[in-house]
Structure formats: C-alpha cells, structure tokens
N, C-alpha and C. Protein backbone atom coordinates (compact mmCIF):
# COMPACT_ATOMS: atom_id res chain seq x y z
N MET A 1 43.95 17.40 0.09
CA MET A 1 45.11 16.64 -0.31
C MET A 1 46.35 17.52 -0.45
N ILE A 2 46.19 18.70 -0.99
CA ILE A 2 47.36 19.55 -1.17
C ILE A 2 47.85 20.09 0.16
N GLY A 3 46.93 20.45 1.05
CA GLY A 3 47.32 21.03 2.32
C GLY A 3 47.54 20.01 3.42
N GLU A 4 47.40 18.72 3.12
CA GLU A 4 47.55 17.69 4.15
C GLU A 4 49.01 17.55 4.56
N THR A 5 49.21 17.31 5.84
CA THR A 5 50.56 16.99 6.31
C THR A 5 50.68 15.48 6.38
N LEU A 6 51.85 15.01 6.12
CA LEU A 6 52.09 13.58 6.14
C LEU A 6 52.20 13.09 7.57
N PRO A 7 51.82 11.85 7.83
CA PRO A 7 52.02 11.31 9.17
C PRO A 7 53.50 11.24 9.51
N ALA A 8 53.80 11.15 10.78
CA ALA A 8 55.19 11.17 11.24
C ALA A 8 56.02 10.04 10.64
N SER A 9 55.37 8.90 10.36
CA SER A 9 56.12 7.76 9.81
C SER A 9 56.54 8.00 8.37
N CYS A 10 55.92 8.95 7.67
CA CYS A 10 56.24 9.20 6.27
C CYS A 10 57.15 10.40 6.07
N ARG A 11 57.45 11.14 7.09
CA ARG A 11 58.29 12.32 6.94
C ARG A 11 59.72 11.89 6.66
N LEU A 12 60.33 12.55 5.70
CA LEU A 12 61.69 12.19 5.32
C LEU A 12 62.70 12.56 6.40
N SER A 13 62.44 13.62 7.16
CA SER A 13 63.36 13.99 8.23
C SER A 13 63.37 12.93 9.32
N THR A 14 62.21 12.38 9.65
CA THR A 14 62.14 11.31 10.64
C THR A 14 62.82 10.06 10.11
N LEU A 15 62.57 9.76 8.85
CA LEU A 15 63.20 8.59 8.23
C LEU A 15 64.71 8.74 8.18
N ALA A 16 65.20 9.93 7.83
CA ALA A 16 66.64 10.16 7.78
C ALA A 16 67.27 9.99 9.15
N ALA A 17 66.61 10.46 10.19
CA ALA A 17 67.13 10.30 11.55
C ALA A 17 67.15 8.83 11.95
N GLN A 18 66.12 8.08 11.57
CA GLN A 18 66.08 6.66 11.90
C GLN A 18 67.12 5.86 11.13
N VAL A 19 67.31 6.20 9.87
CA VAL A 19 68.21 5.43 9.01
C VAL A 19 69.67 5.79 9.29
N TYR A 20 69.98 7.06 9.40
CA TYR A 20 71.37 7.51 9.49
C TYR A 20 71.80 7.91 10.89
N GLY A 21 70.96 7.66 11.89
CA GLY A 21 71.31 8.00 13.26
C GLY A 21 72.48 7.17 13.79
N PHE A 22 72.44 5.88 13.58
CA PHE A 22 73.51 5.00 14.07
C PHE A 22 74.85 5.31 13.41
N PRO A 23 74.94 5.44 12.08
CA PRO A 23 76.24 5.82 11.50
C PRO A 23 76.72 7.19 11.95
N ALA A 24 75.80 8.13 12.12
CA ALA A 24 76.20 9.46 12.59
C ALA A 24 76.76 9.38 14.01
N TYR A 25 76.15 8.57 14.83
CA TYR A 25 76.65 8.37 16.19
C TYR A 25 78.05 7.75 16.18
N MET A 26 78.27 6.77 15.32
CA MET A 26 79.58 6.11 15.26
C MET A 26 80.68 7.08 14.83
N VAL A 27 80.38 7.97 13.90
CA VAL A 27 81.38 8.95 13.46
C VAL A 27 81.56 10.01 14.54
N LEU A 28 80.48 10.44 15.15
CA LEU A 28 80.56 11.46 16.19
C LEU A 28 81.40 10.98 17.37
N VAL A 29 81.23 9.74 17.75
CA VAL A 29 82.03 9.17 18.83
C VAL A 29 83.51 9.13 18.43
N GLY A 30 83.78 8.92 17.16
CA GLY A 30 85.16 8.89 16.69
C GLY A 30 85.82 10.27 16.68
N VAL A 31 85.03 11.31 16.57
CA VAL A 31 85.58 12.66 16.48
C VAL A 31 85.83 13.27 17.86
N ILE A 32 85.05 12.92 18.85
CA ILE A 32 85.19 13.49 20.19
C ILE A 32 86.40 12.84 20.88
N PRO A 33 87.41 13.64 21.24
CA PRO A 33 88.68 13.09 21.70
C PRO A 33 88.64 12.15 22.90
N ILE A 34 88.02 12.49 23.98
CA ILE A 34 88.08 11.63 25.16
C ILE A 34 87.21 10.40 24.98
N VAL A 35 86.09 10.56 24.33
CA VAL A 35 85.17 9.44 24.12
C VAL A 35 85.79 8.41 23.17
N ASN A 36 86.50 8.87 22.14
CA ASN A 36 87.07 7.92 21.19
C ASN A 36 88.18 7.08 21.82
N ALA A 37 88.78 7.55 22.90
CA ALA A 37 89.80 6.76 23.58
C ALA A 37 89.21 5.48 24.16
N PHE A 38 87.98 5.54 24.60
CA PHE A 38 87.33 4.34 25.13
C PHE A 38 86.65 3.53 24.04
N PHE A 39 86.05 4.23 23.10
CA PHE A 39 85.24 3.56 22.09
C PHE A 39 86.08 2.95 20.97
N TYR A 40 87.15 3.64 20.58
CA TYR A 40 88.02 3.16 19.50
C TYR A 40 89.43 2.90 20.00
N SER A 41 89.56 2.36 21.20
CA SER A 41 90.89 2.07 21.72
C SER A 41 91.55 0.99 20.86
N SER A 42 92.86 0.97 20.89
CA SER A 42 93.58 0.02 20.05
C SER A 42 93.48 -1.40 20.58
N ARG A 43 92.99 -1.55 21.79
CA ARG A 43 92.83 -2.88 22.37
C ARG A 43 91.34 -3.17 22.61
N ALA A 44 90.72 -3.74 21.62
CA ALA A 44 89.34 -4.22 21.70
C ALA A 44 88.32 -3.13 22.04
N GLY A 45 88.39 -2.03 21.34
CA GLY A 45 87.36 -1.02 21.50
C GLY A 45 86.07 -1.47 20.84
N ILE A 46 84.96 -1.22 21.49
CA ILE A 46 83.67 -1.68 20.97
C ILE A 46 83.32 -1.00 19.65
N GLY A 47 83.86 0.18 19.42
CA GLY A 47 83.59 0.89 18.17
C GLY A 47 84.09 0.15 16.95
N TRP A 48 85.23 -0.50 17.08
CA TRP A 48 85.78 -1.26 15.95
C TRP A 48 84.91 -2.47 15.63
N LEU A 49 84.19 -2.98 16.62
CA LEU A 49 83.29 -4.10 16.38
C LEU A 49 81.97 -3.66 15.77
N LEU A 50 81.51 -2.46 16.12
CA LEU A 50 80.22 -1.96 15.62
C LEU A 50 80.33 -1.23 14.29
N LEU A 51 81.49 -0.68 13.99
CA LEU A 51 81.66 0.14 12.79
C LEU A 51 81.31 -0.59 11.49
N PRO A 52 81.66 -1.86 11.30
CA PRO A 52 81.30 -2.54 10.05
C PRO A 52 79.80 -2.72 9.84
N PHE A 53 79.00 -2.52 10.86
CA PHE A 53 77.56 -2.72 10.74
C PHE A 53 76.81 -1.45 10.38
N THR A 54 77.52 -0.34 10.14
CA THR A 54 76.82 0.91 9.86
C THR A 54 76.11 0.90 8.50
N PHE A 55 76.80 0.49 7.46
CA PHE A 55 76.18 0.49 6.13
C PHE A 55 75.11 -0.59 5.99
N PRO A 56 75.33 -1.81 6.50
CA PRO A 56 74.23 -2.78 6.47
C PRO A 56 73.02 -2.29 7.26
N TYR A 57 73.24 -1.55 8.35
CA TYR A 57 72.14 -0.99 9.12
C TYR A 57 71.34 -0.01 8.27
N VAL A 58 72.04 0.83 7.51
CA VAL A 58 71.37 1.78 6.62
C VAL A 58 70.53 1.03 5.59
N LEU A 59 71.10 0.01 4.98
CA LEU A 59 70.37 -0.74 3.96
C LEU A 59 69.15 -1.45 4.53
N VAL A 60 69.29 -2.04 5.70
CA VAL A 60 68.17 -2.74 6.33
C VAL A 60 67.07 -1.75 6.72
N ARG A 61 67.45 -0.61 7.29
CA ARG A 61 66.43 0.37 7.68
C ARG A 61 65.70 0.94 6.46
N LEU A 62 66.43 1.18 5.37
CA LEU A 62 65.76 1.64 4.15
C LEU A 62 64.85 0.56 3.58
N GLY A 63 65.29 -0.68 3.63
CA GLY A 63 64.46 -1.79 3.17
C GLY A 63 63.20 -1.94 3.99
N ILE A 64 63.31 -1.82 5.30
CA ILE A 64 62.14 -1.90 6.17
C ILE A 64 61.18 -0.75 5.87
N ALA A 65 61.73 0.45 5.66
CA ALA A 65 60.87 1.60 5.36
C ALA A 65 60.14 1.40 4.04
N LEU A 66 60.82 0.87 3.04
CA LEU A 66 60.16 0.61 1.76
C LEU A 66 59.12 -0.49 1.88
N TRP A 67 59.41 -1.50 2.64
CA TRP A 67 58.49 -2.63 2.80
C TRP A 67 57.23 -2.22 3.55
N ARG A 68 57.38 -1.37 4.57
CA ARG A 68 56.24 -0.96 5.38
C ARG A 68 55.45 0.21 4.79
N SER A 69 55.99 0.86 3.79
CA SER A 69 55.34 2.06 3.28
C SER A 69 54.12 1.72 2.44
N ASP A 70 53.25 2.69 2.34
CA ASP A 70 52.08 2.56 1.49
C ASP A 70 52.51 2.69 0.03
N PRO A 71 51.79 2.08 -0.89
CA PRO A 71 52.17 2.19 -2.31
C PRO A 71 52.32 3.62 -2.83
N PRO A 72 51.50 4.58 -2.41
CA PRO A 72 51.73 5.95 -2.92
C PRO A 72 53.04 6.58 -2.43
N ASN A 73 53.55 6.13 -1.29
CA ASN A 73 54.78 6.70 -0.74
C ASN A 73 56.04 5.98 -1.20
N ARG A 74 55.90 4.83 -1.82
CA ARG A 74 57.09 4.05 -2.19
C ARG A 74 57.97 4.76 -3.20
N ARG A 75 57.37 5.46 -4.14
CA ARG A 75 58.18 6.18 -5.13
C ARG A 75 59.03 7.25 -4.47
N ARG A 76 58.42 7.97 -3.53
CA ARG A 76 59.16 9.01 -2.82
C ARG A 76 60.29 8.41 -1.96
N LEU A 77 60.02 7.27 -1.33
CA LEU A 77 61.04 6.62 -0.51
C LEU A 77 62.15 6.03 -1.37
N ARG A 78 61.81 5.50 -2.54
CA ARG A 78 62.86 5.01 -3.45
C ARG A 78 63.76 6.14 -3.90
N ARG A 79 63.17 7.27 -4.19
CA ARG A 79 63.96 8.44 -4.60
C ARG A 79 64.85 8.91 -3.44
N PHE A 80 64.31 8.89 -2.23
CA PHE A 80 65.10 9.23 -1.05
C PHE A 80 66.28 8.27 -0.90
N ALA A 81 66.03 6.99 -1.07
CA ALA A 81 67.09 5.99 -0.93
C ALA A 81 68.15 6.14 -2.01
N THR A 82 67.72 6.36 -3.26
CA THR A 82 68.70 6.47 -4.35
C THR A 82 69.52 7.75 -4.25
N LEU A 83 69.00 8.77 -3.60
CA LEU A 83 69.79 10.00 -3.41
C LEU A 83 70.60 9.98 -2.13
N SER A 84 70.08 9.34 -1.10
CA SER A 84 70.77 9.40 0.19
C SER A 84 71.92 8.39 0.31
N ILE A 85 71.85 7.27 -0.36
CA ILE A 85 72.95 6.30 -0.27
C ILE A 85 74.23 6.84 -0.90
N PRO A 86 74.21 7.40 -2.12
CA PRO A 86 75.45 8.03 -2.62
C PRO A 86 75.89 9.22 -1.76
N GLY A 87 74.92 9.93 -1.19
CA GLY A 87 75.27 11.01 -0.28
C GLY A 87 75.95 10.49 0.97
N TYR A 88 75.49 9.36 1.47
CA TYR A 88 76.13 8.72 2.62
C TYR A 88 77.57 8.33 2.30
N VAL A 89 77.76 7.73 1.14
CA VAL A 89 79.12 7.32 0.74
C VAL A 89 80.03 8.53 0.60
N ALA A 90 79.53 9.60 -0.01
CA ALA A 90 80.34 10.80 -0.20
C ALA A 90 80.60 11.54 1.11
N LEU A 91 79.63 11.59 1.98
CA LEU A 91 79.78 12.34 3.22
C LEU A 91 80.63 11.60 4.24
N THR A 92 80.63 10.29 4.20
CA THR A 92 81.42 9.56 5.18
C THR A 92 82.92 9.62 4.91
N ALA A 93 83.33 9.97 3.71
CA ALA A 93 84.77 10.07 3.43
C ALA A 93 85.43 11.19 4.25
N PRO A 94 84.97 12.45 4.18
CA PRO A 94 85.62 13.47 5.02
C PRO A 94 85.37 13.26 6.51
N LEU A 95 84.23 12.69 6.87
CA LEU A 95 83.98 12.41 8.28
C LEU A 95 84.89 11.30 8.79
N SER A 96 85.22 10.34 7.94
CA SER A 96 86.17 9.30 8.32
C SER A 96 87.55 9.89 8.52
N TRP A 97 87.92 10.84 7.68
CA TRP A 97 89.21 11.51 7.86
C TRP A 97 89.24 12.24 9.20
N ALA A 98 88.17 12.96 9.52
CA ALA A 98 88.13 13.70 10.79
C ALA A 98 88.18 12.75 11.98
N ALA A 99 87.46 11.64 11.89
CA ALA A 99 87.45 10.69 13.00
C ALA A 99 88.83 10.05 13.19
N THR A 100 89.46 9.63 12.10
CA THR A 100 90.78 9.00 12.25
C THR A 100 91.84 10.01 12.66
N TYR A 101 91.71 11.25 12.24
CA TYR A 101 92.65 12.28 12.70
C TYR A 101 92.55 12.44 14.21
N SER A 102 91.32 12.47 14.72
CA SER A 102 91.12 12.60 16.16
C SER A 102 91.59 11.35 16.90
N ILE A 103 91.27 10.19 16.37
CA ILE A 103 91.68 8.93 17.02
C ILE A 103 93.20 8.82 17.04
N ASN A 104 93.84 9.10 15.91
CA ASN A 104 95.30 9.00 15.84
C ASN A 104 95.98 10.05 16.72
N SER A 105 95.42 11.24 16.80
CA SER A 105 96.02 12.28 17.63
C SER A 105 95.88 11.95 19.11
N TRP A 106 94.76 11.42 19.49
CA TRP A 106 94.52 11.17 20.89
C TRP A 106 95.19 9.88 21.37
N LEU A 107 95.12 8.82 20.57
CA LEU A 107 95.63 7.53 20.99
C LEU A 107 97.03 7.21 20.49
N GLY A 108 97.53 7.97 19.52
CA GLY A 108 98.84 7.70 18.97
C GLY A 108 98.88 6.51 18.03
N THR A 109 97.75 6.13 17.48
CA THR A 109 97.70 5.02 16.54
C THR A 109 98.00 5.52 15.13
N SER A 110 98.05 4.62 14.19
CA SER A 110 98.31 5.01 12.81
C SER A 110 97.25 4.40 11.88
N VAL A 111 96.01 4.64 12.20
CA VAL A 111 94.90 4.15 11.37
C VAL A 111 94.72 5.14 10.22
N HIS A 112 94.72 4.65 9.00
CA HIS A 112 94.51 5.50 7.83
C HIS A 112 93.01 5.73 7.66
N TRP A 113 92.65 6.91 7.17
CA TRP A 113 91.23 7.25 7.05
C TRP A 113 90.50 6.34 6.08
N THR A 114 91.19 5.81 5.09
CA THR A 114 90.52 4.92 4.15
C THR A 114 90.17 3.58 4.79
N GLN A 115 90.93 3.17 5.81
CA GLN A 115 90.58 1.94 6.53
C GLN A 115 89.29 2.13 7.32
N PHE A 116 89.18 3.28 7.97
CA PHE A 116 87.96 3.60 8.71
C PHE A 116 86.78 3.69 7.76
N TRP A 117 86.99 4.35 6.63
CA TRP A 117 85.94 4.52 5.63
C TRP A 117 85.52 3.19 5.04
N ALA A 118 86.49 2.32 4.76
CA ALA A 118 86.18 0.99 4.22
C ALA A 118 85.38 0.17 5.22
N MET A 119 85.67 0.35 6.51
CA MET A 119 84.89 -0.38 7.51
C MET A 119 83.47 0.15 7.59
N MET A 120 83.27 1.44 7.34
CA MET A 120 81.92 2.00 7.33
C MET A 120 81.13 1.53 6.12
N LEU A 121 81.82 1.20 5.05
CA LEU A 121 81.18 0.73 3.82
C LEU A 121 81.48 -0.75 3.59
N LEU A 122 81.44 -1.54 4.63
CA LEU A 122 81.98 -2.90 4.60
C LEU A 122 81.52 -3.77 3.43
N PRO A 123 80.27 -3.93 3.12
CA PRO A 123 79.95 -4.81 1.99
C PRO A 123 80.53 -4.29 0.67
N LEU A 124 80.51 -2.98 0.47
CA LEU A 124 81.07 -2.42 -0.76
C LEU A 124 82.59 -2.54 -0.79
N SER A 125 83.24 -2.37 0.34
CA SER A 125 84.70 -2.47 0.35
C SER A 125 85.16 -3.91 0.13
N LEU A 126 84.36 -4.88 0.54
CA LEU A 126 84.71 -6.28 0.25
C LEU A 126 84.60 -6.56 -1.25
N LEU A 127 83.65 -5.95 -1.93
CA LEU A 127 83.55 -6.09 -3.37
C LEU A 127 84.79 -5.50 -4.05
N GLY A 128 85.30 -4.40 -3.51
CA GLY A 128 86.51 -3.80 -4.05
C GLY A 128 87.70 -4.72 -3.95
N LEU A 129 87.77 -5.52 -2.87
CA LEU A 129 88.86 -6.48 -2.72
C LEU A 129 88.76 -7.63 -3.73
N LEU A 130 87.54 -7.99 -4.09
CA LEU A 130 87.36 -9.08 -5.04
C LEU A 130 87.87 -8.72 -6.43
N PHE A 131 87.69 -7.47 -6.81
CA PHE A 131 88.07 -7.05 -8.16
C PHE A 131 89.41 -6.34 -8.21
N LYS A 132 90.19 -6.44 -7.18
CA LYS A 132 91.50 -5.78 -7.13
C LYS A 132 92.53 -6.55 -7.91
C-alpha cells in the first residue's frame, strides 16, 4: 500500500491537465500575437465565444472527477479542487493582463484586462454585477 502507484485516472497531474487544459489553451492563444489576430479578432473571433465557458468547464470537469472517483480518493480530490480553484482565479488575473496586452498591441483594440478576466470567470463575474 505504501509503495503502490496510483492508476493514471487518480494522478493529480493528469487531472490538472484534463481540468485546466482548455483554459490554459484559451489564454495561450490570446498571448501568441499572430494566432490571437484570428482567434480574438474584433469581428466575431471564436475565442470571444469560447472564453466564457472556461470556468464552467473547470467546474464540470472537477465535478465529474469527484463523481467518478472512488470513496478513498474523494478527500484528496476535494482538497485538490479547493486549492486549485482559488489558484485558478489568482493565476488567471496576470495571464489575462498578458493576453489583453498582446491582443491590444496586435489588433489595436482597447480591451481592458479585467474584461477578459471577467469573461474567464463568467459565473462569478455575473454575481459581482448583482451585488454592485
């Protein structure tokens, strides 16, 4: 038991790649100058349509992982979720700044980084509008 390795489905590195791969891809596409011109163009770029689904995707993937996990692994996965979600929120702020800096420099738009960040955290940002 002590020397056993966990199956691939229970490894936190695999889970992190599955859960946070899509949001990482969306930010990475925003940072790369030529790619962001097509993906985040000011006229109907597909990135603007997919960006609001990043945080719900994270929540759904974490929920699926918790639902499918064995009872002994659920505590570890809950701890992973409670630590990684605030980390996601904190890490996406500077990455949103970098993405909007690149988008604005390349396309000449004036998107503020907090708008990009709010779109990445869409359900939470809508709650902020309710209590404003």
